[in-house]
Amino acid sequence: MEKDHKSSGFLHIGNKLLNWYKKNARDLPFRQTKDPYKIWICEIVFQQTRISQGLGHYNSFIKRFPDVKTLAEAEEDEVLLYWKGLGYYSRAINIHKAAQQIMNDYQGTFPEQYEEILKLKGVGKYTAAAISSICFGGRMPAVDGNFYRVLSRIFADDFDISSSKAFTYFSELAFLIMPESAGDFNQAMMDIGSEVCKPKNPLCGECPVNEDCLAFSLQKVSDFPVKTKKVKAEDLALQYYFVHRNGQFLIQQRKDDFIWKKLFEFLSEFPAELKPFIRNTKTISHKLTHKNLTIEITDIEVVSEAAWNSFTEQNQYIVTDFEAFHERSFPKPLENYIQNSLKD
């Protein structure tokens, strides 16, 4: 459905959202700062994590890495450790590399321009727009799922949000209602989308722009946004071998070319010489965003000290124990397996 959105008579909608935001803005710690480093970290943390779940992680991460320099100089494994529990560990790897970019390419000063922020590792258009507008007054809409939902309902616009052109299309819609204060407007859109214009059971009666919302007036709020393309989750089978003896067990670090980049894992190749020590095999199911995992873990308890010493001396695996494993980051299903092993 093609619509003419070229009229300039929509700014009052953005002003209503701003007035609502001034009275109802969520009291969040990163709202008390214009520090681009902290805004950047919070945007990355909360990309895939609800604020209620990620706030503690954000606070501990900022406490350990209070600025770009501290983060850039840290070891990657420690950055991953402080990201533990947030998932999507490639985000942690990217912010570590981006911090080093800022130190090397921008002399430690966070870039101000949208185009420069966009050059940072792992920073997309939404994040760059959020940082630019909130910290430096840039006039860029931080288009994300909240924007898609709110704008498509206001204009009853059935443009497919799964389209590759959706970001550009809804950015143009956002400009129609965006007041001068772009940073506050972007945060108002985030809050109205999270607290009022929810995906399911939106609180239309409490919405400050319900009189301007075409979908509301047509009683078709549930029809928007329109999304036709669904990504089918891929089935993936993984095999691990949990080799242990007297509270110690063997691990290795994953490479960065697959899921769970740089996290630690159990052995992935069958240790044939330890076959006599196999106890049992357990199968675990685990869902990632686009993958359905079936993880088979074979428990191998090496009761022979000689066999253990021989195997560990001949291979380059890392020996850890149930106390020290907390100092490393493991994929969630493997961490749970270790925790359950402690109870056995």
Foldseek 3Di string as FASTA:
>chain_A
DDDDLPDLPQQVVLVLLLVVCVVDPDDAPPLVDLPLVLLLLVCLLPPPPDCVQRRVLSVVLCVQVVALVSLQPDDLFQLLLSCFPSFPSVSSVQSNQLSVCCCPVVVRDQDQDLVVNCPRGPDHNLSSQLSNLSNPNDQFANDDPLLQLVLCQLVVPADACVDPCNVVVSRVSCVSHHDSNRNSSNSSSVCCDVPASDLPPGNLVPDSCNVSGPCNVVVNSNVPHHHDDDQAAAEDEAEFEFEDEPQKTWKDFADQPDGPHRAIDHDRDDPVVQVVQWDDKDWDWDDDPRYTYIYIYIYGYDHDPVVVVVVPVVDDTDMDGLVCCSSGHHPVVRVVVSVVVVVD
